[in-house]
Structures are given as C-alpha cells and as structure tokens.
Amino acid sequence: MAAAQANRPPREVVDFPPNVPVTVALKYGQGKIVSSQYGERFMFSLVDGRVMFLDPEVAGQIASLGINVRESFSITKQSDGRKDPPVFWQVARINGEQPNGTLVVPALPAAPAIPAIPASSTPEPDPRKQPGRALIHEANTLVDAYAEVLHRALTTYEGRVKPDEIRALLISAYIQRSKLSSVA
C-alpha cells in the first residue's frame, strides 16, 4: 500500500490569492488533521483531484455552514494589501443548482416593517363586493403561502426539497381544497 502511494504523483494544492474567491467542492465530508511547518491544519480533498490546506478556524466555517460533499462553495482570503496585514477568511455558498442535486438560494433580506394604517383612513373594500379584488386577494394569499412554505423547506431541509416540488405540492393542495369546498 505504501509503495502505491509513493508512485502516485503529487496532487495540486489550491492557492488562495488575496481578495479573489476560489470555488471548490469537497470530495469527503471532513478534512484530515495534518501537522505542517505552519502548525496543525486541515487537509481537504476536492472533487477535481486537488487538495487544500486550511487553518482550523476556516475549517470550522465550512462545518458551521453545513457544506455538503460535492457542493460548490467559495473561499476568499481577505487582505487589505499591506505588509503582514491581518488576514480574514470568508467561506460562502454559491447560489444556484449544485452538482449534488441541491439548490442554494440567497438568504431573504429582512422584511421591512409594514406601517400601521391610521384608524382614520378608509377601510379596504370588501373583496366579495368587487370580483377583481377577490382574485387579487386570493392570489396574494397563495404567493404568501408559497413563500412561507419555500422558506421553511429551504431552512429545515437545507435545499433537499426543490422549489418546483414545493410549487407542485402547493398547487395540488390548493386544487384539492377547492374540490372539497365545492362538495361540502
């Protein structure tokens, strides 16, 4: 076994130029702890055959994000360009469909607070008296339901349930509910 490893050509090591995001994808879920001239570091094998060596803090960022095997993500070594500056590392998911079949979407910005309607303003007309308003109200309710279900699925199931599947489930439930309400 040692002879086979001795004949293997050395693998390319990922270089992290300052302030340039480098896209990588893990071959295995965890890195190996190795000792080097820089102290203890984590060695990660990547799906493209390269390896990368990271400080424990950066490996911790990968773990805290819950990066999956074969999921593309970026690592940026941030520096202000001065000699011996403090270096900060940023690990981030890459939005879009991943090679492992999951979908990464950007986090939703915090919703702005809805201003309260003063009591003296005119109330909104009853949607039952205006057919067009009823349709708008129902469509807005469906959009709100979709957004809530999508958010829950993405946070609870970490992208394993795709938005198209959520849409199909919501449409099926809506149609079924409409059928049951017409029977009753």
N, C-alpha and C. Protein backbone atom coordinates (compact mmCIF):
# COMPACT_ATOMS: atom_id res chain seq x y z
N MET A 1 0.83 -1.18 0.00
CA MET A 1 0.00 0.00 0.00
C MET A 1 0.87 1.25 0.00
N ALA A 2 1.95 1.26 0.80
CA ALA A 2 2.83 2.42 0.86
C ALA A 2 3.54 2.61 -0.48
N ALA A 3 3.85 1.51 -1.18
CA ALA A 3 4.51 1.62 -2.48
C ALA A 3 3.58 2.26 -3.50
N ALA A 4 2.29 1.92 -3.43
CA ALA A 4 1.32 2.51 -4.36
C ALA A 4 1.20 4.01 -4.12
N GLN A 5 1.23 4.43 -2.85
CA GLN A 5 1.15 5.85 -2.56
C GLN A 5 2.42 6.58 -2.97
N ALA A 6 3.56 5.91 -2.89
CA ALA A 6 4.83 6.54 -3.26
C ALA A 6 4.88 6.79 -4.77
N ASN A 7 4.21 5.95 -5.57
CA ASN A 7 4.21 6.12 -7.03
C ASN A 7 3.17 7.13 -7.51
N ARG A 8 2.26 7.53 -6.64
CA ARG A 8 1.21 8.47 -7.03
C ARG A 8 1.82 9.86 -7.21
N PRO A 9 1.48 10.55 -8.31
CA PRO A 9 2.01 11.90 -8.48
C PRO A 9 1.41 12.84 -7.43
N PRO A 10 2.15 13.86 -7.02
CA PRO A 10 1.61 14.78 -6.02
C PRO A 10 0.40 15.53 -6.58
N ARG A 11 -0.55 15.77 -5.71
CA ARG A 11 -1.76 16.47 -6.14
C ARG A 11 -1.53 17.98 -6.06
N GLU A 12 -2.23 18.68 -6.95
CA GLU A 12 -2.13 20.13 -6.97
C GLU A 12 -2.77 20.70 -5.69
N VAL A 13 -2.10 21.68 -5.10
CA VAL A 13 -2.59 22.33 -3.89
C VAL A 13 -3.27 23.64 -4.29
N VAL A 14 -4.45 23.88 -3.76
CA VAL A 14 -5.20 25.09 -4.08
C VAL A 14 -4.47 26.30 -3.50
N ASP A 15 -4.32 27.32 -4.34
CA ASP A 15 -3.71 28.58 -3.93
C ASP A 15 -4.85 29.58 -3.70
N PHE A 16 -4.74 30.38 -2.67
CA PHE A 16 -5.76 31.37 -2.36
C PHE A 16 -5.17 32.77 -2.49
N PRO A 17 -5.26 33.36 -3.71
CA PRO A 17 -4.76 34.73 -3.87
C PRO A 17 -5.62 35.69 -3.05
N PRO A 18 -5.04 36.77 -2.53
CA PRO A 18 -5.81 37.71 -1.70
C PRO A 18 -6.99 38.32 -2.46
N ASN A 19 -8.12 38.37 -1.79
CA ASN A 19 -9.34 39.03 -2.27
C ASN A 19 -9.93 38.45 -3.55
N VAL A 20 -9.62 37.19 -3.83
CA VAL A 20 -10.17 36.52 -5.02
C VAL A 20 -10.91 35.27 -4.54
N PRO A 21 -12.23 35.20 -4.75
CA PRO A 21 -12.96 33.99 -4.34
C PRO A 21 -12.50 32.78 -5.16
N VAL A 22 -12.23 31.69 -4.47
CA VAL A 22 -11.82 30.45 -5.13
C VAL A 22 -12.95 29.44 -4.92
N THR A 23 -13.47 28.91 -6.03
CA THR A 23 -14.58 27.95 -5.96
C THR A 23 -14.02 26.54 -5.81
N VAL A 24 -14.56 25.81 -4.83
CA VAL A 24 -14.13 24.44 -4.56
C VAL A 24 -15.35 23.59 -4.23
N ALA A 25 -15.18 22.27 -4.24
CA ALA A 25 -16.22 21.32 -3.83
C ALA A 25 -15.52 20.14 -3.15
N LEU A 26 -15.98 19.79 -1.97
CA LEU A 26 -15.34 18.73 -1.17
C LEU A 26 -15.62 17.34 -1.73
N LYS A 27 -14.60 16.50 -1.70
CA LYS A 27 -14.76 15.10 -2.09
C LYS A 27 -15.29 14.30 -0.90
N TYR A 28 -14.84 14.65 0.30
CA TYR A 28 -15.26 13.97 1.53
C TYR A 28 -15.82 15.01 2.49
N GLY A 29 -16.65 14.58 3.40
CA GLY A 29 -17.33 15.49 4.31
C GLY A 29 -16.44 16.18 5.32
N GLN A 30 -15.30 15.58 5.64
CA GLN A 30 -14.42 16.16 6.66
C GLN A 30 -12.99 16.14 6.17
N GLY A 31 -12.21 17.07 6.70
CA GLY A 31 -10.79 17.11 6.37
C GLY A 31 -9.99 16.29 7.35
N LYS A 32 -8.73 16.03 6.96
CA LYS A 32 -7.79 15.31 7.83
C LYS A 32 -6.92 16.34 8.54
N ILE A 33 -6.68 16.12 9.81
CA ILE A 33 -5.77 16.99 10.54
C ILE A 33 -4.35 16.57 10.21
N VAL A 34 -3.54 17.53 9.75
CA VAL A 34 -2.14 17.25 9.41
C VAL A 34 -1.27 18.28 10.12
N SER A 35 -0.04 17.87 10.42
CA SER A 35 0.92 18.79 11.02
C SER A 35 1.84 19.29 9.92
N SER A 36 2.09 20.58 9.94
CA SER A 36 2.98 21.17 8.93
C SER A 36 3.84 22.22 9.59
N GLN A 37 4.66 22.87 8.78
CA GLN A 37 5.51 23.93 9.31
C GLN A 37 4.68 25.10 9.83
N TYR A 38 3.41 25.17 9.45
CA TYR A 38 2.51 26.24 9.89
C TYR A 38 1.66 25.82 11.09
N GLY A 39 1.91 24.66 11.64
CA GLY A 39 1.12 24.14 12.75
C GLY A 39 0.08 23.15 12.24
N GLU A 40 -0.89 22.85 13.11
CA GLU A 40 -1.95 21.92 12.69
C GLU A 40 -2.87 22.60 11.70
N ARG A 41 -3.16 21.88 10.63
CA ARG A 41 -4.06 22.38 9.59
C ARG A 41 -4.97 21.23 9.17
N PHE A 42 -6.01 21.58 8.42
CA PHE A 42 -6.92 20.58 7.89
C PHE A 42 -6.64 20.43 6.40
N MET A 43 -6.49 19.19 5.96
CA MET A 43 -6.31 18.91 4.53
C MET A 43 -7.65 18.38 4.01
N PHE A 44 -8.17 19.04 2.97
CA PHE A 44 -9.41 18.63 2.35
C PHE A 44 -9.12 18.15 0.94
N SER A 45 -9.64 16.98 0.57
CA SER A 45 -9.57 16.50 -0.81
C SER A 45 -10.77 17.08 -1.55
N LEU A 46 -10.54 17.51 -2.79
CA LEU A 46 -11.59 18.13 -3.58
C LEU A 46 -12.00 17.22 -4.73
N VAL A 47 -13.21 17.43 -5.25
CA VAL A 47 -13.73 16.56 -6.30
C VAL A 47 -12.90 16.64 -7.58
N ASP A 48 -12.20 17.75 -7.81
CA ASP A 48 -11.40 17.88 -9.03
C ASP A 48 -9.99 17.31 -8.88
N GLY A 49 -9.70 16.63 -7.75
CA GLY A 49 -8.40 15.99 -7.57
C GLY A 49 -7.40 16.84 -6.82
N ARG A 50 -7.69 18.11 -6.60
CA ARG A 50 -6.77 18.97 -5.86
C ARG A 50 -6.97 18.76 -4.36
N VAL A 51 -6.08 19.35 -3.58
CA VAL A 51 -6.22 19.37 -2.12
C VAL A 51 -6.06 20.82 -1.66
N MET A 52 -6.61 21.10 -0.49
CA MET A 52 -6.40 22.42 0.11
C MET A 52 -6.10 22.24 1.58
N PHE A 53 -5.28 23.13 2.09
CA PHE A 53 -4.89 23.12 3.49
C PHE A 53 -5.43 24.39 4.14
N LEU A 54 -6.18 24.21 5.23
CA LEU A 54 -6.84 25.35 5.88
C LEU A 54 -6.58 25.32 7.38
N ASP A 55 -6.55 26.52 7.95
CA ASP A 55 -6.45 26.64 9.40
C ASP A 55 -7.74 26.11 10.03
N PRO A 56 -7.67 25.69 11.28
CA PRO A 56 -8.87 25.16 11.95
C PRO A 56 -10.06 26.12 11.95
N GLU A 57 -9.81 27.43 12.03
CA GLU A 57 -10.91 28.40 12.04
C GLU A 57 -11.68 28.37 10.72
N VAL A 58 -10.96 28.24 9.60
CA VAL A 58 -11.60 28.21 8.29
C VAL A 58 -12.35 26.89 8.11
N ALA A 59 -11.75 25.80 8.56
CA ALA A 59 -12.43 24.50 8.51
C ALA A 59 -13.71 24.56 9.36
N GLY A 60 -13.66 25.29 10.46
CA GLY A 60 -14.84 25.46 11.31
C GLY A 60 -15.95 26.23 10.59
N GLN A 61 -15.57 27.22 9.77
CA GLN A 61 -16.58 27.95 8.99
C GLN A 61 -17.29 27.01 8.01
N ILE A 62 -16.52 26.12 7.38
CA ILE A 62 -17.11 25.16 6.44
C ILE A 62 -18.10 24.27 7.19
N ALA A 63 -17.68 23.77 8.35
CA ALA A 63 -18.55 22.90 9.14
C ALA A 63 -19.80 23.64 9.62
N SER A 64 -19.64 24.90 10.06
CA SER A 64 -20.80 25.63 10.58
C SER A 64 -21.81 25.96 9.48
N LEU A 65 -21.35 26.10 8.24
CA LEU A 65 -22.27 26.33 7.13
C LEU A 65 -22.97 25.04 6.70
N GLY A 66 -22.45 23.90 7.14
CA GLY A 66 -23.05 22.62 6.76
C GLY A 66 -22.82 22.29 5.29
N ILE A 67 -21.65 22.66 4.78
CA ILE A 67 -21.32 22.40 3.38
C ILE A 67 -21.33 20.89 3.15
N ASN A 68 -22.03 20.46 2.11
CA ASN A 68 -22.15 19.03 1.79
C ASN A 68 -21.07 18.61 0.79
N VAL A 69 -20.86 17.32 0.69
CA VAL A 69 -19.95 16.75 -0.30
C VAL A 69 -20.45 17.13 -1.70
N ARG A 70 -19.55 17.51 -2.57
CA ARG A 70 -19.81 17.90 -3.97
C ARG A 70 -20.61 19.19 -4.09
N GLU A 71 -20.78 19.95 -3.02
CA GLU A 71 -21.47 21.24 -3.09
C GLU A 71 -20.44 22.32 -3.36
N SER A 72 -20.64 23.09 -4.41
CA SER A 72 -19.71 24.17 -4.72
C SER A 72 -19.86 25.30 -3.72
N PHE A 73 -18.73 25.82 -3.26
CA PHE A 73 -18.72 26.98 -2.37
C PHE A 73 -17.44 27.74 -2.62
N SER A 74 -17.36 28.96 -2.09
CA SER A 74 -16.17 29.77 -2.34
C SER A 74 -15.47 30.07 -1.03
N ILE A 75 -14.16 30.21 -1.15
CA ILE A 75 -13.33 30.62 -0.02
C ILE A 75 -12.54 31.84 -0.50
N THR A 76 -12.60 32.91 0.29
CA THR A 76 -11.88 34.13 -0.06
C THR A 76 -10.94 34.48 1.07
N LYS A 77 -9.68 34.65 0.72
CA LYS A 77 -8.67 35.11 1.67
C LYS A 77 -8.67 36.63 1.56
N GLN A 78 -9.21 37.31 2.57
CA GLN A 78 -9.35 38.75 2.51
C GLN A 78 -8.18 39.45 3.17
N SER A 79 -7.61 40.39 2.43
CA SER A 79 -6.46 41.14 2.91
C SER A 79 -6.55 42.55 2.37
N ASP A 80 -6.03 43.52 3.12
CA ASP A 80 -6.09 44.91 2.64
C ASP A 80 -4.84 45.30 1.85
N GLY A 81 -3.94 44.37 1.60
CA GLY A 81 -2.79 44.61 0.74
C GLY A 81 -1.55 45.14 1.46
N ARG A 82 -1.65 45.45 2.73
CA ARG A 82 -0.47 45.93 3.46
C ARG A 82 0.43 44.76 3.81
N LYS A 83 1.69 45.08 4.13
CA LYS A 83 2.64 44.04 4.51
C LYS A 83 2.24 43.48 5.88
N ASP A 84 2.20 42.18 5.99
CA ASP A 84 1.81 41.47 7.21
C ASP A 84 0.48 41.97 7.78
N PRO A 85 -0.53 42.11 6.91
CA PRO A 85 -1.83 42.56 7.43
C PRO A 85 -2.56 41.39 8.09
N PRO A 86 -3.56 41.71 8.89
CA PRO A 86 -4.40 40.60 9.38
C PRO A 86 -5.16 40.00 8.19
N VAL A 87 -5.23 38.69 8.17
CA VAL A 87 -5.93 38.00 7.08
C VAL A 87 -7.23 37.44 7.63
N PHE A 88 -8.32 37.67 6.88
CA PHE A 88 -9.62 37.14 7.24
C PHE A 88 -10.06 36.21 6.13
N TRP A 89 -10.73 35.13 6.51
CA TRP A 89 -11.21 34.16 5.54
C TRP A 89 -12.72 34.20 5.51
N GLN A 90 -13.27 34.18 4.32
CA GLN A 90 -14.73 34.15 4.17
C GLN A 90 -15.11 32.91 3.38
N VAL A 91 -15.98 32.09 3.96
CA VAL A 91 -16.50 30.90 3.30
C VAL A 91 -17.96 31.17 2.98
N ALA A 92 -18.36 30.95 1.72
CA ALA A 92 -19.75 31.25 1.32
C ALA A 92 -20.26 30.22 0.33
N ARG A 93 -21.53 29.92 0.46
CA ARG A 93 -22.18 29.04 -0.52
C ARG A 93 -22.32 29.80 -1.83
N ILE A 94 -22.35 29.07 -2.92
CA ILE A 94 -22.56 29.66 -4.24
C ILE A 94 -24.01 29.40 -4.62
N ASN A 95 -24.73 30.46 -4.97
CA ASN A 95 -26.14 30.33 -5.31
C ASN A 95 -26.31 29.53 -6.60
N GLY A 96 -27.41 28.78 -6.66
CA GLY A 96 -27.73 28.02 -7.87
C GLY A 96 -27.73 26.54 -7.62
N GLU A 97 -27.98 25.79 -8.69
CA GLU A 97 -28.03 24.34 -8.58
C GLU A 97 -26.63 23.80 -8.39
N GLN A 98 -26.50 22.84 -7.50
CA GLN A 98 -25.21 22.26 -7.15
C GLN A 98 -25.04 20.91 -7.84
N PRO A 99 -23.80 20.48 -8.00
CA PRO A 99 -23.56 19.17 -8.62
C PRO A 99 -24.18 18.02 -7.85
N ASN A 100 -24.43 18.20 -6.54
CA ASN A 100 -25.01 17.13 -5.75
C ASN A 100 -26.54 17.13 -5.79
N GLY A 101 -27.14 17.98 -6.66
CA GLY A 101 -28.58 17.97 -6.85
C GLY A 101 -29.34 18.93 -5.96
N THR A 102 -28.66 19.61 -5.05
CA THR A 102 -29.36 20.57 -4.21
C THR A 102 -29.37 21.94 -4.87
N LEU A 103 -30.16 22.84 -4.31
CA LEU A 103 -30.26 24.19 -4.83
C LEU A 103 -29.96 25.15 -3.70
N VAL A 104 -29.01 26.04 -3.93
CA VAL A 104 -28.67 27.05 -2.93
C VAL A 104 -29.28 28.36 -3.39
N VAL A 105 -30.07 28.97 -2.51
CA VAL A 105 -30.69 30.26 -2.83
C VAL A 105 -30.17 31.29 -1.83
N PRO A 106 -30.12 32.56 -2.26
CA PRO A 106 -29.65 33.59 -1.33
C PRO A 106 -30.65 33.76 -0.19
N ALA A 107 -30.13 34.16 0.95
CA ALA A 107 -31.00 34.40 2.10
C ALA A 107 -31.90 35.58 1.78
N LEU A 108 -33.13 35.49 2.24
CA LEU A 108 -34.07 36.58 2.03
C LEU A 108 -33.70 37.74 2.93
N PRO A 109 -33.74 38.97 2.39
CA PRO A 109 -33.46 40.12 3.25
C PRO A 109 -34.58 40.26 4.28
N ALA A 110 -34.25 40.88 5.39
CA ALA A 110 -35.27 41.09 6.41
C ALA A 110 -36.38 41.95 5.83
N ALA A 111 -37.61 41.53 6.04
CA ALA A 111 -38.76 42.26 5.51
C ALA A 111 -38.91 43.58 6.25
N PRO A 112 -39.14 44.67 5.51
CA PRO A 112 -39.34 45.95 6.18
C PRO A 112 -40.64 45.91 6.98
N ALA A 113 -40.65 46.66 8.04
CA ALA A 113 -41.86 46.71 8.86
C ALA A 113 -42.99 47.35 8.07
N ILE A 114 -44.16 46.78 8.17
CA ILE A 114 -45.33 47.32 7.47
C ILE A 114 -45.91 48.43 8.34
N PRO A 115 -46.02 49.63 7.79
CA PRO A 115 -46.54 50.72 8.61
C PRO A 115 -48.01 50.46 8.97
N ALA A 116 -48.36 50.86 10.17
CA ALA A 116 -49.74 50.69 10.62
C ALA A 116 -50.64 51.66 9.86
N ILE A 117 -51.83 51.20 9.53
CA ILE A 117 -52.79 52.04 8.84
C ILE A 117 -53.52 52.88 9.88
N PRO A 118 -53.49 54.18 9.72
CA PRO A 118 -54.19 55.02 10.71
C PRO A 118 -55.67 54.67 10.75
N ALA A 119 -56.27 54.79 11.91
CA ALA A 119 -57.67 54.44 12.09
C ALA A 119 -58.60 55.33 11.27
N SER A 120 -58.14 56.54 10.95
CA SER A 120 -58.99 57.45 10.22
C SER A 120 -59.04 57.17 8.72
N SER A 121 -58.12 56.31 8.22
CA SER A 121 -58.11 56.03 6.78
C SER A 121 -59.32 55.17 6.41
N THR A 122 -59.64 55.20 5.15
CA THR A 122 -60.79 54.43 4.69
C THR A 122 -60.46 52.95 4.68
N PRO A 123 -61.36 52.11 5.14
CA PRO A 123 -61.09 50.66 5.14
C PRO A 123 -61.06 50.13 3.72
N GLU A 124 -60.34 49.02 3.54
CA GLU A 124 -60.26 48.40 2.22
C GLU A 124 -61.64 47.82 1.89
N PRO A 125 -62.05 47.96 0.61
CA PRO A 125 -63.37 47.46 0.25
C PRO A 125 -63.46 45.95 0.43
N ASP A 126 -64.64 45.48 0.70
CA ASP A 126 -64.90 44.06 0.88
C ASP A 126 -64.65 43.34 -0.45
N PRO A 127 -63.69 42.36 -0.49
CA PRO A 127 -63.39 41.70 -1.75
C PRO A 127 -64.57 40.96 -2.36
N ARG A 128 -65.55 40.57 -1.53
CA ARG A 128 -66.72 39.86 -2.06
C ARG A 128 -67.59 40.77 -2.92
N LYS A 129 -67.49 42.09 -2.72
CA LYS A 129 -68.30 43.04 -3.48
C LYS A 129 -67.61 43.46 -4.77
N GLN A 130 -66.33 43.18 -4.90
CA GLN A 130 -65.58 43.53 -6.10
C GLN A 130 -64.85 42.28 -6.57
N PRO A 131 -65.35 41.61 -7.61
CA PRO A 131 -64.76 40.34 -8.04
C PRO A 131 -63.27 40.43 -8.35
N GLY A 132 -62.83 41.49 -8.95
CA GLY A 132 -61.40 41.64 -9.27
C GLY A 132 -60.55 41.68 -8.01
N ARG A 133 -61.02 42.35 -6.97
CA ARG A 133 -60.29 42.44 -5.70
C ARG A 133 -60.20 41.07 -5.05
N ALA A 134 -61.24 40.27 -5.16
CA ALA A 134 -61.23 38.93 -4.56
C ALA A 134 -60.14 38.07 -5.19
N LEU A 135 -60.00 38.16 -6.51
CA LEU A 135 -58.97 37.39 -7.21
C LEU A 135 -57.58 37.85 -6.79
N ILE A 136 -57.40 39.15 -6.68
CA ILE A 136 -56.10 39.69 -6.26
C ILE A 136 -55.79 39.24 -4.84
N HIS A 137 -56.78 39.31 -3.96
CA HIS A 137 -56.58 38.89 -2.58
C HIS A 137 -56.20 37.40 -2.51
N GLU A 138 -56.89 36.57 -3.27
CA GLU A 138 -56.61 35.13 -3.26
C GLU A 138 -55.22 34.84 -3.83
N ALA A 139 -54.85 35.53 -4.91
CA ALA A 139 -53.52 35.33 -5.50
C ALA A 139 -52.43 35.76 -4.52
N ASN A 140 -52.63 36.89 -3.85
CA ASN A 140 -51.64 37.34 -2.86
C ASN A 140 -51.52 36.36 -1.71
N THR A 141 -52.63 35.78 -1.30
CA THR A 141 -52.62 34.78 -0.24
C THR A 141 -51.82 33.55 -0.68
N LEU A 142 -51.99 33.12 -1.93
CA LEU A 142 -51.24 31.97 -2.44
C LEU A 142 -49.74 32.27 -2.52
N VAL A 143 -49.39 33.48 -2.95
CA VAL A 143 -47.98 33.86 -3.02
C VAL A 143 -47.37 33.85 -1.62
N ASP A 144 -48.10 34.40 -0.65
CA ASP A 144 -47.61 34.40 0.73
C ASP A 144 -47.43 32.97 1.24
N ALA A 145 -48.39 32.09 0.93
CA ALA A 145 -48.30 30.69 1.36
C ALA A 145 -47.09 30.01 0.73
N TYR A 146 -46.88 30.25 -0.58
CA TYR A 146 -45.73 29.66 -1.27
C TYR A 146 -44.42 30.13 -0.63
N ALA A 147 -44.31 31.44 -0.37
CA ALA A 147 -43.08 31.98 0.21
C ALA A 147 -42.82 31.38 1.58
N GLU A 148 -43.86 31.22 2.37
CA GLU A 148 -43.68 30.66 3.71
C GLU A 148 -43.26 29.19 3.65
N VAL A 149 -43.91 28.42 2.78
CA VAL A 149 -43.57 27.00 2.64
C VAL A 149 -42.16 26.85 2.06
N LEU A 150 -41.82 27.68 1.07
CA LEU A 150 -40.47 27.62 0.48
C LEU A 150 -39.41 27.94 1.52
N HIS A 151 -39.63 28.98 2.29
CA HIS A 151 -38.66 29.35 3.33
C HIS A 151 -38.47 28.21 4.32
N ARG A 152 -39.57 27.61 4.77
CA ARG A 152 -39.47 26.51 5.74
C ARG A 152 -38.73 25.32 5.13
N ALA A 153 -39.04 25.00 3.89
CA ALA A 153 -38.39 23.85 3.25
C ALA A 153 -36.90 24.08 3.09
N LEU A 154 -36.51 25.30 2.71
CA LEU A 154 -35.10 25.58 2.49
C LEU A 154 -34.32 25.62 3.80
N THR A 155 -34.92 26.14 4.86
CA THR A 155 -34.20 26.20 6.13
C THR A 155 -34.24 24.86 6.86
N THR A 156 -35.36 24.18 6.82
CA THR A 156 -35.48 22.91 7.55
C THR A 156 -34.78 21.77 6.82
N TYR A 157 -34.92 21.74 5.51
CA TYR A 157 -34.39 20.60 4.74
C TYR A 157 -33.16 20.98 3.91
N GLU A 158 -32.58 22.15 4.15
CA GLU A 158 -31.30 22.58 3.56
C GLU A 158 -31.24 22.39 2.06
N GLY A 159 -32.30 22.73 1.36
CA GLY A 159 -32.29 22.68 -0.11
C GLY A 159 -32.55 21.32 -0.71
N ARG A 160 -32.84 20.31 0.12
CA ARG A 160 -33.09 18.97 -0.43
C ARG A 160 -34.46 18.88 -1.09
N VAL A 161 -35.36 19.82 -0.77
CA VAL A 161 -36.66 19.88 -1.43
C VAL A 161 -36.59 21.06 -2.39
N LYS A 162 -36.78 20.81 -3.66
CA LYS A 162 -36.61 21.84 -4.68
C LYS A 162 -37.84 22.75 -4.76
N PRO A 163 -37.65 24.02 -5.17
CA PRO A 163 -38.77 24.96 -5.29
C PRO A 163 -39.87 24.46 -6.22
N ASP A 164 -39.53 23.78 -7.31
CA ASP A 164 -40.56 23.25 -8.21
C ASP A 164 -41.42 22.20 -7.52
N GLU A 165 -40.80 21.40 -6.65
CA GLU A 165 -41.55 20.39 -5.92
C GLU A 165 -42.51 21.06 -4.93
N ILE A 166 -42.04 22.12 -4.29
CA ILE A 166 -42.89 22.85 -3.35
C ILE A 166 -44.07 23.47 -4.09
N ARG A 167 -43.80 24.05 -5.26
CA ARG A 167 -44.86 24.66 -6.06
C ARG A 167 -45.90 23.60 -6.44
N ALA A 168 -45.45 22.43 -6.88
CA ALA A 168 -46.37 21.36 -7.27
C ALA A 168 -47.22 20.91 -6.08
N LEU A 169 -46.60 20.77 -4.91
CA LEU A 169 -47.35 20.38 -3.72
C LEU A 169 -48.40 21.43 -3.35
N LEU A 170 -48.01 22.70 -3.43
CA LEU A 170 -48.95 23.77 -3.09
C LEU A 170 -50.12 23.82 -4.07
N ILE A 171 -49.83 23.67 -5.35
CA ILE A 171 -50.90 23.66 -6.36
C ILE A 171 -51.84 22.49 -6.12
N SER A 172 -51.27 21.30 -5.88
CA SER A 172 -52.11 20.12 -5.62
C SER A 172 -52.99 20.31 -4.40
N ALA A 173 -52.41 20.87 -3.33
CA ALA A 173 -53.19 21.09 -2.11
C ALA A 173 -54.29 22.12 -2.36
N TYR A 174 -53.98 23.15 -3.14
CA TYR A 174 -54.98 24.19 -3.43
C TYR A 174 -56.13 23.62 -4.26
N ILE A 175 -55.79 22.83 -5.27
CA ILE A 175 -56.83 22.22 -6.11
C ILE A 175 -57.69 21.27 -5.28
N GLN A 176 -57.05 20.46 -4.45
CA GLN A 176 -57.79 19.51 -3.61
C GLN A 176 -58.71 20.25 -2.65
N ARG A 177 -58.22 21.34 -2.06
CA ARG A 177 -59.03 22.13 -1.14
C ARG A 177 -60.23 22.72 -1.86
N SER A 178 -60.02 23.20 -3.09
CA SER A 178 -61.12 23.77 -3.89
C SER A 178 -62.16 22.70 -4.19
N LYS A 179 -61.71 21.49 -4.54
CA LYS A 179 -62.64 20.41 -4.82
C LYS A 179 -63.45 20.04 -3.59
N LEU A 180 -62.81 19.95 -2.43
CA LEU A 180 -63.50 19.58 -1.20
C LEU A 180 -64.48 20.67 -0.77
N SER A 181 -64.14 21.94 -0.99
CA SER A 181 -65.05 23.00 -0.57
C SER A 181 -66.28 23.07 -1.48
N SER A 182 -66.14 22.64 -2.75
CA SER A 182 -67.31 22.65 -3.63
C SER A 182 -68.24 21.49 -3.35
N VAL A 183 -67.73 20.41 -2.76
CA VAL A 183 -68.54 19.23 -2.42
C VAL A 183 -69.34 19.51 -1.16
N ALA A 184 -68.76 20.23 -0.22
CA ALA A 184 -69.41 20.47 1.08
C ALA A 184 -70.58 21.41 1.00
